[in-house]
Amino acid sequence: MRSARRSAIRLLQLMAVASVVLPLVLFACAAWLNYGHELKVADDRIERSLDILHEHTLKVFQTVERAIAEVDEIVRGMPDEEIREQQPRLHERMKRIVDSLPQLRAIFLIDRDGQPLVSSQFVQVPADQRARERSFFNVHIADDVGTYVSEVVEPRLAGLARPFSCFRADVRPRKVRSTA
């Protein structure tokens, strides 16, 4: 009788332990499977977001390169003095470019001394503004670095109320047609 009673107590103890351990094991397995699933979902979301970001960035760079090529075509062969003289006409052309491309906020042409020549923001560019000490200008002085994306820069001109990034500040000598 004692052995039957001991076996019943052991069985009850075993069942008590199993009633605690089994749910814990099942919970741990479920948590592990759920963790793996959520990790996979998160990786998929990150990958999709990166794909979208990549496409958007590519579109922005293509837009900027297109705008640069168009502006280069507009001022091709023009010396700096002629560009300054034709600021109102060139301003309107550049303004149309910026208005047609929502990724752009402004276009500025800057001479090799850091003096603004023409802008899509201003009909007459303020003569006292210089970009010489800005990193987006200086990076191109020593070497041709191609397309360059600057850090976020605080504007100095009142027409540019928000901080901006400069995509390119090309100070290489431009080929100018000889008038002689």
C-alpha atoms as a PDB file:
ATOM      1  CA  MET A   1       0.000   0.000   0.000  1.00  0.00           C
ATOM      2  CA  ARG A   2       2.854   2.326   0.786  1.00  0.00           C
ATOM      3  CA  SER A   3       4.496   1.649  -2.551  1.00  0.00           C
ATOM      4  CA  ALA A   4       1.218   2.366  -4.366  1.00  0.00           C
ATOM      5  CA  ARG A   5       0.889   5.558  -2.394  1.00  0.00           C
ATOM      6  CA  ARG A   6       4.528   6.540  -3.200  1.00  0.00           C
ATOM      7  CA  SER A   7       4.007   5.841  -6.857  1.00  0.00           C
ATOM      8  CA  ALA A   8       0.850   7.955  -6.835  1.00  0.00           C
ATOM      9  CA  ILE A   9       2.709  10.812  -5.097  1.00  0.00           C
ATOM     10  CA  ARG A  10       5.610  10.528  -7.545  1.00  0.00           C
ATOM     11  CA  LEU A  11       3.187  10.535 -10.436  1.00  0.00           C
ATOM     12  CA  LEU A  12       1.479  13.616  -9.005  1.00  0.00           C
ATOM     13  CA  GLN A  13       4.863  15.333  -8.471  1.00  0.00           C
ATOM     14  CA  LEU A  14       5.930  14.434 -11.981  1.00  0.00           C
ATOM     15  CA  MET A  15       2.644  15.791 -13.328  1.00  0.00           C
ATOM     16  CA  ALA A  16       3.117  18.997 -11.283  1.00  0.00           C
ATOM     17  CA  VAL A  17       6.626  19.491 -12.673  1.00  0.00           C
ATOM     18  CA  ALA A  18       5.420  18.644 -16.183  1.00  0.00           C
ATOM     19  CA  SER A  19       2.551  21.133 -15.840  1.00  0.00           C
ATOM     20  CA  VAL A  20       5.154  23.869 -15.281  1.00  0.00           C
ATOM     21  CA  VAL A  21       7.978  22.693 -17.574  1.00  0.00           C
ATOM     22  CA  LEU A  22       5.891  21.686 -20.589  1.00  0.00           C
ATOM     23  CA  PRO A  23       4.182  25.112 -20.975  1.00  0.00           C
ATOM     24  CA  LEU A  24       7.574  26.797 -20.514  1.00  0.00           C
ATOM     25  CA  VAL A  25       9.118  24.643 -23.258  1.00  0.00           C
ATOM     26  CA  LEU A  26       6.129  25.249 -25.542  1.00  0.00           C
ATOM     27  CA  PHE A  27       6.284  29.007 -24.827  1.00  0.00           C
ATOM     28  CA  ALA A  28      10.054  29.070 -25.521  1.00  0.00           C
ATOM     29  CA  CYS A  29       9.580  27.197 -28.812  1.00  0.00           C
ATOM     30  CA  ALA A  30       6.745  29.490 -29.863  1.00  0.00           C
ATOM     31  CA  ALA A  31       8.777  32.561 -28.896  1.00  0.00           C
ATOM     32  CA  TRP A  32      11.786  31.308 -30.865  1.00  0.00           C
ATOM     33  CA  LEU A  33       9.674  30.602 -33.965  1.00  0.00           C
ATOM     34  CA  ASN A  34       7.936  33.980 -33.661  1.00  0.00           C
ATOM     35  CA  TYR A  35      11.296  35.732 -33.223  1.00  0.00           C
ATOM     36  CA  GLY A  36      12.610  34.095 -36.389  1.00  0.00           C
ATOM     37  CA  HIS A  37       9.468  35.068 -38.298  1.00  0.00           C
ATOM     38  CA  GLU A  38       9.581  38.680 -37.090  1.00  0.00           C
ATOM     39  CA  LEU A  39      13.290  38.888 -37.923  1.00  0.00           C
ATOM     40  CA  LYS A  40      12.569  37.704 -41.457  1.00  0.00           C
ATOM     41  CA  VAL A  41       9.692  40.204 -41.804  1.00  0.00           C
ATOM     42  CA  ALA A  42      11.925  43.013 -40.537  1.00  0.00           C
ATOM     43  CA  ASP A  43      14.704  42.044 -42.964  1.00  0.00           C
ATOM     44  CA  ASP A  44      12.195  42.005 -45.842  1.00  0.00           C
ATOM     45  CA  ARG A  45      10.885  45.447 -44.866  1.00  0.00           C
ATOM     46  CA  ILE A  46      14.404  46.847 -44.595  1.00  0.00           C
ATOM     47  CA  GLU A  47      15.305  45.385 -47.966  1.00  0.00           C
ATOM     48  CA  ARG A  48      12.196  46.887 -49.589  1.00  0.00           C
ATOM     49  CA  SER A  49      12.888  50.246 -47.933  1.00  0.00           C
ATOM     50  CA  LEU A  50      16.475  50.166 -49.158  1.00  0.00           C
ATOM     51  CA  ASP A  51      15.287  49.375 -52.677  1.00  0.00           C
ATOM     52  CA  ILE A  52      12.893  52.333 -52.563  1.00  0.00           C
ATOM     53  CA  LEU A  53      15.597  54.588 -51.115  1.00  0.00           C
ATOM     54  CA  HIS A  54      18.051  53.448 -53.775  1.00  0.00           C
ATOM     55  CA  GLU A  55      15.581  54.179 -56.574  1.00  0.00           C
ATOM     56  CA  HIS A  56      14.743  57.585 -55.119  1.00  0.00           C
ATOM     57  CA  THR A  57      18.420  58.484 -54.687  1.00  0.00           C
ATOM     58  CA  LEU A  58      19.158  57.357 -58.225  1.00  0.00           C
ATOM     59  CA  LYS A  59      16.296  59.507 -59.493  1.00  0.00           C
ATOM     60  CA  VAL A  60      17.577  62.535 -57.568  1.00  0.00           C
ATOM     61  CA  PHE A  61      21.110  62.101 -58.921  1.00  0.00           C
ATOM     62  CA  GLN A  62      19.823  61.634 -62.466  1.00  0.00           C
ATOM     63  CA  THR A  63      17.675  64.737 -62.081  1.00  0.00           C
ATOM     64  CA  VAL A  64      20.606  66.765 -60.799  1.00  0.00           C
ATOM     65  CA  GLU A  65      22.853  65.529 -63.599  1.00  0.00           C
ATOM     66  CA  ARG A  66      20.137  66.377 -66.117  1.00  0.00           C
ATOM     67  CA  ALA A  67      19.785  69.869 -64.665  1.00  0.00           C
ATOM     68  CA  ILE A  68      23.573  70.359 -64.678  1.00  0.00           C
ATOM     69  CA  ALA A  69      23.765  69.293 -68.324  1.00  0.00           C
ATOM     70  CA  GLU A  70      20.903  71.625 -69.235  1.00  0.00           C
ATOM     71  CA  VAL A  71      22.476  74.586 -67.430  1.00  0.00           C
ATOM     72  CA  ASP A  72      25.834  73.777 -68.995  1.00  0.00           C
ATOM     73  CA  GLU A  73      24.159  73.839 -72.403  1.00  0.00           C
ATOM     74  CA  ILE A  74      22.554  77.202 -71.644  1.00  0.00           C
ATOM     75  CA  VAL A  75      25.829  78.899 -70.666  1.00  0.00           C
ATOM     76  CA  ARG A  76      28.159  76.992 -72.993  1.00  0.00           C
ATOM     77  CA  GLY A  77      30.700  79.340 -74.510  1.00  0.00           C
ATOM     78  CA  MET A  78      29.639  82.314 -72.412  1.00  0.00           C
ATOM     79  CA  PRO A  79      32.355  84.137 -70.458  1.00  0.00           C
ATOM     80  CA  ASP A  80      31.569  85.067 -66.850  1.00  0.00           C
ATOM     81  CA  GLU A  81      30.992  88.745 -67.743  1.00  0.00           C
ATOM     82  CA  GLU A  82      28.336  87.826 -70.312  1.00  0.00           C
ATOM     83  CA  ILE A  83      26.605  85.529 -67.809  1.00  0.00           C
ATOM     84  CA  ARG A  84      26.487  88.399 -65.292  1.00  0.00           C
ATOM     85  CA  GLU A  85      25.097  90.767 -67.951  1.00  0.00           C
ATOM     86  CA  GLN A  86      22.373  88.293 -68.903  1.00  0.00           C
ATOM     87  CA  GLN A  87      21.303  87.425 -65.339  1.00  0.00           C
ATOM     88  CA  PRO A  88      17.585  88.238 -65.834  1.00  0.00           C
ATOM     89  CA  ARG A  89      17.275  86.055 -68.966  1.00  0.00           C
ATOM     90  CA  LEU A  90      19.368  83.227 -67.521  1.00  0.00           C
ATOM     91  CA  HIS A  91      17.499  83.467 -64.205  1.00  0.00           C
ATOM     92  CA  GLU A  92      14.205  82.794 -65.996  1.00  0.00           C
ATOM     93  CA  ARG A  93      15.641  79.781 -67.833  1.00  0.00           C
ATOM     94  CA  MET A  94      17.073  78.332 -64.621  1.00  0.00           C
ATOM     95  CA  LYS A  95      13.871  79.053 -62.719  1.00  0.00           C
ATOM     96  CA  ARG A  96      11.931  77.025 -65.300  1.00  0.00           C
ATOM     97  CA  ILE A  97      14.356  74.130 -64.806  1.00  0.00           C
ATOM     98  CA  VAL A  98      13.940  74.231 -61.002  1.00  0.00           C
ATOM     99  CA  ASP A  99      10.155  74.598 -61.273  1.00  0.00           C
ATOM    100  CA  SER A 100       9.960  71.508 -63.481  1.00  0.00           C
ATOM    101  CA  LEU A 101      12.078  69.372 -61.150  1.00  0.00           C
ATOM    102  CA  PRO A 102      10.681  69.040 -57.611  1.00  0.00           C
ATOM    103  CA  GLN A 103      13.924  67.482 -56.362  1.00  0.00           C
ATOM    104  CA  LEU A 104      15.732  70.798 -56.875  1.00  0.00           C
ATOM    105  CA  ARG A 105      15.332  73.913 -54.787  1.00  0.00           C
ATOM    106  CA  ALA A 106      17.739  76.256 -56.532  1.00  0.00           C
ATOM    107  CA  ILE A 107      20.515  76.485 -59.081  1.00  0.00           C
ATOM    108  CA  PHE A 108      23.486  78.772 -58.568  1.00  0.00           C
ATOM    109  CA  LEU A 109      26.356  79.286 -61.004  1.00  0.00           C
ATOM    110  CA  ILE A 110      29.486  80.323 -59.156  1.00  0.00           C
ATOM    111  CA  ASP A 111      32.706  81.533 -60.783  1.00  0.00           C
ATOM    112  CA  ARG A 112      36.134  80.160 -59.912  1.00  0.00           C
ATOM    113  CA  ASP A 113      36.608  82.904 -57.285  1.00  0.00           C
ATOM    114  CA  GLY A 114      33.462  81.889 -55.403  1.00  0.00           C
ATOM    115  CA  GLN A 115      31.386  84.807 -56.726  1.00  0.00           C
ATOM    116  CA  PRO A 116      27.813  83.898 -57.771  1.00  0.00           C
ATOM    117  CA  LEU A 117      27.168  84.529 -61.465  1.00  0.00           C
ATOM    118  CA  VAL A 118      23.472  83.718 -61.818  1.00  0.00           C
ATOM    119  CA  SER A 119      20.756  82.013 -59.800  1.00  0.00           C
ATOM    120  CA  SER A 120      17.325  80.521 -60.213  1.00  0.00           C
ATOM    121  CA  GLN A 121      16.337  82.182 -56.919  1.00  0.00           C
ATOM    122  CA  PHE A 122      17.312  85.793 -57.622  1.00  0.00           C
ATOM    123  CA  VAL A 123      16.974  87.898 -60.766  1.00  0.00           C
ATOM    124  CA  GLN A 124      20.135  89.728 -59.698  1.00  0.00           C
ATOM    125  CA  VAL A 125      22.472  87.728 -57.478  1.00  0.00           C
ATOM    126  CA  PRO A 126      23.747  89.785 -54.523  1.00  0.00           C
ATOM    127  CA  ALA A 127      27.315  90.773 -55.451  1.00  0.00           C
ATOM    128  CA  ASP A 128      28.577  90.556 -51.860  1.00  0.00           C
ATOM    129  CA  GLN A 129      27.967  86.810 -51.541  1.00  0.00           C
ATOM    130  CA  ARG A 130      30.924  84.450 -51.809  1.00  0.00           C
ATOM    131  CA  ALA A 131      31.141  80.667 -51.658  1.00  0.00           C
ATOM    132  CA  ARG A 132      34.930  80.502 -51.377  1.00  0.00           C
ATOM    133  CA  GLU A 133      34.971  79.300 -47.757  1.00  0.00           C
ATOM    134  CA  ARG A 134      32.233  76.716 -48.267  1.00  0.00           C
ATOM    135  CA  SER A 135      33.293  73.072 -48.402  1.00  0.00           C
ATOM    136  CA  PHE A 136      31.190  72.381 -51.497  1.00  0.00           C
ATOM    137  CA  PHE A 137      33.277  74.981 -53.344  1.00  0.00           C
ATOM    138  CA  ASN A 138      36.726  74.178 -51.954  1.00  0.00           C
ATOM    139  CA  VAL A 139      36.534  70.440 -52.560  1.00  0.00           C
ATOM    140  CA  HIS A 140      36.736  71.078 -56.319  1.00  0.00           C
ATOM    141  CA  ILE A 141      39.653  73.526 -56.287  1.00  0.00           C
ATOM    142  CA  ALA A 142      42.438  70.976 -55.823  1.00  0.00           C
ATOM    143  CA  ASP A 143      41.009  68.192 -57.963  1.00  0.00           C
ATOM    144  CA  ASP A 144      38.089  67.185 -60.154  1.00  0.00           C
ATOM    145  CA  VAL A 145      35.969  65.094 -57.792  1.00  0.00           C
ATOM    146  CA  GLY A 146      33.012  64.871 -60.155  1.00  0.00           C
ATOM    147  CA  THR A 147      29.597  64.858 -58.560  1.00  0.00           C
ATOM    148  CA  TYR A 148      29.884  65.868 -54.939  1.00  0.00           C
ATOM    149  CA  VAL A 149      27.242  65.899 -52.214  1.00  0.00           C
ATOM    150  CA  SER A 150      28.044  68.352 -49.444  1.00  0.00           C
ATOM    151  CA  GLU A 151      27.032  68.264 -45.819  1.00  0.00           C
ATOM    152  CA  VAL A 152      23.865  70.167 -44.926  1.00  0.00           C
ATOM    153  CA  VAL A 153      24.690  73.870 -45.165  1.00  0.00           C
ATOM    154  CA  GLU A 154      22.958  76.823 -43.511  1.00  0.00           C
ATOM    155  CA  PRO A 155      21.987  79.427 -46.118  1.00  0.00           C
ATOM    156  CA  ARG A 156      23.304  82.974 -45.951  1.00  0.00           C
ATOM    157  CA  LEU A 157      20.856  84.457 -48.423  1.00  0.00           C
ATOM    158  CA  ALA A 158      17.371  85.446 -47.263  1.00  0.00           C
ATOM    159  CA  GLY A 159      15.732  83.734 -50.269  1.00  0.00           C
ATOM    160  CA  LEU A 160      16.968  80.341 -49.097  1.00  0.00           C
ATOM    161  CA  ALA A 161      15.153  79.885 -45.813  1.00  0.00           C
ATOM    162  CA  ARG A 162      15.973  76.208 -45.231  1.00  0.00           C
ATOM    163  CA  PRO A 163      19.311  74.399 -44.961  1.00  0.00           C
ATOM    164  CA  PHE A 164      20.454  72.700 -48.158  1.00  0.00           C
ATOM    165  CA  SER A 165      22.993  70.283 -49.620  1.00  0.00           C
ATOM    166  CA  CYS A 166      25.058  71.187 -52.618  1.00  0.00           C
ATOM    167  CA  PHE A 167      25.312  68.451 -55.226  1.00  0.00           C
ATOM    168  CA  ARG A 168      28.099  69.928 -57.272  1.00  0.00           C
ATOM    169  CA  ALA A 169      30.365  72.921 -57.263  1.00  0.00           C
ATOM    170  CA  ASP A 170      32.424  72.609 -60.418  1.00  0.00           C
ATOM    171  CA  VAL A 171      35.283  75.113 -60.539  1.00  0.00           C
ATOM    172  CA  ARG A 172      37.182  73.573 -63.427  1.00  0.00           C
ATOM    173  CA  PRO A 173      37.942  76.072 -66.170  1.00  0.00           C
ATOM    174  CA  ARG A 174      35.158  76.234 -68.728  1.00  0.00           C
ATOM    175  CA  LYS A 175      36.006  76.310 -72.380  1.00  0.00           C
ATOM    176  CA  VAL A 176      35.033  79.697 -73.778  1.00  0.00           C
ATOM    177  CA  ARG A 177      34.714  80.351 -77.491  1.00  0.00           C
ATOM    178  CA  SER A 178      37.088  82.974 -78.730  1.00  0.00           C
ATOM    179  CA  THR A 179      35.421  86.032 -80.213  1.00  0.00           C
ATOM    180  CA  ALA A 180      38.550  87.052 -82.118  1.00  0.00           C
END
